[in-house]
Amino acid sequence: MLIIGISGGSGSGKTTVIKKIIKSLPSGSVSVLAQDAYYRDNGHLSQEEKRKINFDHPSSIEFNLLIDHIERLKNGETVGMPIYSYVTCARAKETIPVHPTKVMIVDGILILTNPRLRKKLDIKIYVDADADDRLMRIIWRDIEERGRNFKQVLDHYETFVKPMHLLFIEPNKRYADIIIPQGGKNQIAIDVLKSRIKEKLMEDA
């Protein structure tokens, strides 16, 4: 199993890169573990307390569970990836079955901050993008998907997203094997990455 970690700031274009990788490989050969599914369950908190959750700090992620799932997948087991809601800040009772595949993509803004997790990744990728472009995507996403209004998005960005990006996320791109500037728009970098993945798969065949 080839394990690829894809990191980068919120709104950097990670999802676009992942979709292009999956499209380039045989159907059914890629599965994805999303870091966002492993946020700690805070459904018991009050609405006021939920608004203060820092989703951009490494402590918000249950890394032990994520690493355990990666190890089990490498051993040929199927795992149940949690379903997390940003609206309720809680995990659902149901899970999503993830099966072992030739390529496993681990996706998330904080995955390169954890030394144990970094050691599990065969290829580490950092998707880079200008802060203005990321902010525009964050505004659209948080209003459409996370139930925030425009003011709440900007307040959250100033309080959590921007400082945590500078403190935890941006510095960790030094651990990346490949940096993709301009996010999903950089087709040349994505093509290089796809070629490297195919080479690696052939080596391991």
Protein backbone atom coordinates (compact mmCIF):
# COMPACT_ATOMS: atom_id res chain seq x y z
CA MET A 1 0.00 0.00 0.00
CA LEU A 2 1.29 3.44 -1.01
CA ILE A 3 0.28 6.06 1.56
CA ILE A 4 0.18 9.68 0.35
CA GLY A 5 -0.30 12.60 2.71
CA ILE A 6 -1.80 15.76 1.22
CA SER A 7 -1.66 18.86 3.40
CA GLY A 8 -1.95 22.62 2.93
CA GLY A 9 -3.89 25.53 4.37
CA SER A 10 -7.68 25.72 4.47
CA GLY A 11 -8.97 26.54 0.99
CA SER A 12 -5.65 25.78 -0.72
CA GLY A 13 -7.13 23.39 -3.28
CA LYS A 14 -6.32 20.01 -1.70
CA THR A 15 -9.65 18.51 -2.77
CA THR A 16 -9.03 19.43 -6.43
CA VAL A 17 -5.57 17.83 -6.32
CA ILE A 18 -7.01 14.66 -4.76
CA LYS A 19 -9.75 14.40 -7.39
CA LYS A 20 -7.19 14.69 -10.18
CA ILE A 21 -5.00 11.99 -8.63
CA ILE A 22 -7.94 9.62 -8.21
CA LYS A 23 -9.08 10.25 -11.80
CA SER A 24 -5.62 9.33 -13.12
CA LEU A 25 -5.48 5.94 -11.40
CA PRO A 26 -7.49 2.74 -12.01
CA SER A 27 -11.00 2.71 -10.57
CA GLY A 28 -11.13 1.32 -7.05
CA SER A 29 -7.37 1.58 -6.48
CA VAL A 30 -7.52 4.70 -4.26
CA SER A 31 -9.20 5.35 -0.91
CA VAL A 32 -9.15 8.51 1.21
CA LEU A 33 -8.90 9.05 4.96
CA ALA A 34 -9.96 12.61 5.74
CA GLN A 35 -8.39 14.27 8.78
CA ASP A 36 -11.65 16.23 9.20
CA ALA A 37 -13.43 12.99 10.11
CA TYR A 38 -11.17 12.61 13.14
CA TYR A 39 -12.01 15.83 14.99
CA ARG A 40 -12.75 15.11 18.62
CA ASP A 41 -16.43 14.64 19.46
CA ASN A 42 -17.62 17.84 21.17
CA GLY A 43 -21.35 17.34 20.77
CA HIS A 44 -21.79 17.66 24.54
CA LEU A 45 -20.64 21.30 24.61
CA SER A 46 -22.94 24.31 24.68
CA GLN A 47 -23.38 26.45 21.55
CA GLU A 48 -21.19 29.14 23.09
CA GLU A 49 -18.45 26.61 23.85
CA LYS A 50 -18.70 25.13 20.35
CA ARG A 51 -18.08 28.54 18.81
CA LYS A 52 -14.76 28.66 20.65
CA ILE A 53 -13.43 25.35 19.31
CA ASN A 54 -10.13 25.82 17.49
CA PHE A 55 -10.40 23.43 14.53
CA ASP A 56 -6.99 24.58 13.27
CA HIS A 57 -4.98 23.44 16.31
CA PRO A 58 -3.39 19.95 16.30
CA SER A 59 -5.01 19.14 19.66
CA SER A 60 -8.43 19.16 17.97
CA ILE A 61 -7.59 15.96 16.05
CA GLU A 62 -7.72 12.43 17.49
CA PHE A 63 -4.43 11.44 15.84
CA ASN A 64 -4.16 8.15 17.73
CA LEU A 65 -7.36 6.88 16.09
CA LEU A 66 -6.30 8.12 12.65
CA ILE A 67 -2.90 6.40 12.94
CA ASP A 68 -4.54 3.21 14.24
CA HIS A 69 -6.83 3.17 11.18
CA ILE A 70 -3.86 3.63 8.83
CA GLU A 71 -2.02 0.73 10.48
CA ARG A 72 -5.07 -1.52 10.29
CA LEU A 73 -5.60 -0.69 6.61
CA LYS A 74 -1.95 -1.56 5.92
CA ASN A 75 -2.62 -4.90 7.59
CA GLY A 76 -5.49 -5.56 5.20
CA GLU A 77 -8.37 -4.67 7.54
CA THR A 78 -11.40 -2.53 6.74
CA VAL A 79 -11.96 0.40 9.12
CA GLY A 80 -14.91 2.62 9.98
CA MET A 81 -14.01 6.24 9.32
CA PRO A 82 -15.98 8.58 11.60
CA ILE A 83 -18.58 11.01 10.24
CA TYR A 84 -18.09 14.46 11.80
CA SER A 85 -20.45 17.44 11.58
CA TYR A 86 -19.13 20.99 11.84
CA VAL A 87 -22.68 22.15 12.59
CA THR A 88 -23.18 19.95 15.68
CA CYS A 89 -19.45 19.45 16.45
CA ALA A 90 -20.28 15.79 17.04
CA ARG A 91 -19.62 12.43 15.43
CA ALA A 92 -22.50 10.42 14.01
CA LYS A 93 -23.20 6.93 15.34
CA GLU A 94 -22.63 5.59 11.84
CA THR A 95 -19.20 5.32 10.20
CA ILE A 96 -17.99 5.08 6.58
CA PRO A 97 -16.30 1.77 5.70
CA VAL A 98 -12.85 2.29 4.16
CA HIS A 99 -11.26 -0.74 2.52
CA PRO A 100 -7.55 -1.44 1.90
CA THR A 101 -6.48 -0.29 -1.57
CA LYS A 102 -3.23 0.07 -3.50
CA VAL A 103 -3.15 3.82 -2.80
CA MET A 104 -4.30 5.46 0.44
CA ILE A 105 -4.59 9.26 0.55
CA VAL A 106 -4.54 10.92 3.97
CA ASP A 107 -5.88 14.44 3.58
CA GLY A 108 -5.90 17.35 6.03
CA ILE A 109 -4.44 20.71 7.05
CA LEU A 110 -2.71 19.33 10.16
CA ILE A 111 -1.39 15.93 9.06
CA LEU A 112 2.23 17.11 8.77
CA THR A 113 2.22 18.47 12.34
CA ASN A 114 2.23 14.99 13.88
CA PRO A 115 5.62 13.19 13.84
CA ARG A 116 4.10 9.69 14.21
CA LEU A 117 1.75 10.29 11.32
CA ARG A 118 4.49 11.74 9.11
CA LYS A 119 6.45 8.50 9.49
CA LYS A 120 3.48 6.57 8.06
CA LEU A 121 3.41 8.63 4.85
CA ASP A 122 5.37 7.38 1.82
CA ILE A 123 4.89 10.65 -0.10
CA LYS A 124 4.20 13.96 1.67
CA ILE A 125 2.59 16.73 -0.39
CA TYR A 126 1.91 20.35 0.53
CA VAL A 127 -0.62 22.25 -1.59
CA ASP A 128 0.27 25.94 -1.50
CA ALA A 129 -1.95 28.90 -2.41
CA ASP A 130 -2.11 32.65 -1.89
CA ALA A 131 -3.82 33.76 1.32
CA ASP A 132 -6.40 35.82 -0.61
CA ASP A 133 -7.42 32.85 -2.74
CA ARG A 134 -7.71 30.63 0.32
CA LEU A 135 -9.82 33.21 2.18
CA MET A 136 -12.29 33.47 -0.70
CA ARG A 137 -12.73 29.69 -0.74
CA ILE A 138 -13.09 29.59 3.06
CA ILE A 139 -15.83 32.24 2.99
CA TRP A 140 -17.83 30.33 0.38
CA ARG A 141 -17.34 26.95 2.09
CA ASP A 142 -18.14 28.08 5.64
CA ILE A 143 -21.33 29.88 4.59
CA GLU A 144 -22.52 27.05 2.33
CA GLU A 145 -21.45 24.02 4.36
CA ARG A 146 -20.90 25.06 7.97
CA GLY A 147 -23.83 27.36 8.66
CA ARG A 148 -21.82 30.51 9.41
CA ASN A 149 -22.69 34.02 8.28
CA PHE A 150 -20.19 36.38 6.65
CA LYS A 151 -19.19 38.11 9.90
CA GLN A 152 -18.76 34.80 11.72
CA VAL A 153 -16.50 33.51 8.93
CA LEU A 154 -14.25 36.58 9.08
CA ASP A 155 -14.13 36.54 12.89
CA HIS A 156 -13.25 32.85 12.85
CA TYR A 157 -10.57 33.44 10.22
CA GLU A 158 -8.94 36.25 12.22
CA THR A 159 -9.16 34.42 15.55
CA PHE A 160 -8.24 30.88 14.53
CA VAL A 161 -7.50 30.14 10.87
CA LYS A 162 -4.90 32.80 10.09
CA PRO A 163 -2.80 32.57 13.29
CA MET A 164 -2.89 28.75 13.34
CA HIS A 165 -1.90 28.64 9.68
CA LEU A 166 1.16 30.77 10.42
CA LEU A 167 2.01 28.83 13.58
CA PHE A 168 1.34 25.19 12.64
CA ILE A 169 0.50 24.66 8.97
CA GLU A 170 2.76 26.86 6.83
CA PRO A 171 5.96 25.93 8.76
CA ASN A 172 5.30 22.21 8.28
CA LYS A 173 5.61 22.38 4.51
CA ARG A 174 9.33 21.88 5.13
CA TYR A 175 8.47 18.22 5.71
CA ALA A 176 6.87 17.90 2.26
CA ASP A 177 8.51 15.88 -0.49
CA ILE A 178 6.55 17.82 -3.12
CA ILE A 179 5.09 21.34 -2.89
CA ILE A 180 2.33 22.23 -5.36
CA PRO A 181 2.06 26.03 -5.78
CA GLN A 182 -1.26 27.53 -6.97
CA GLY A 183 -3.20 24.56 -5.66
CA GLY A 184 -5.31 22.55 -8.07
CA LYS A 185 -4.58 24.99 -10.93
CA ASN A 186 -0.97 23.81 -11.24
CA GLN A 187 -1.47 21.03 -13.77
CA ILE A 188 2.27 20.59 -14.43
CA ALA A 189 3.02 19.87 -10.76
CA ILE A 190 0.01 17.54 -10.54
CA ASP A 191 1.19 15.65 -13.64
CA VAL A 192 4.66 15.23 -12.08
CA LEU A 193 3.02 13.93 -8.92
CA LYS A 194 0.83 11.49 -10.83
CA SER A 195 3.88 10.15 -12.68
CA ARG A 196 5.74 9.68 -9.39
CA ILE A 197 2.80 7.77 -7.90
CA LYS A 198 2.62 5.46 -10.93
CA GLU A 199 6.40 4.86 -10.75
CA LYS A 200 6.13 4.03 -7.06
CA LEU A 201 3.29 1.60 -7.70
CA MET A 202 5.33 -0.16 -10.38
CA GLU A 203 8.32 -0.42 -8.01
CA ASP A 204 6.13 -2.03 -5.34
CA ALA A 205 4.36 -4.35 -7.76
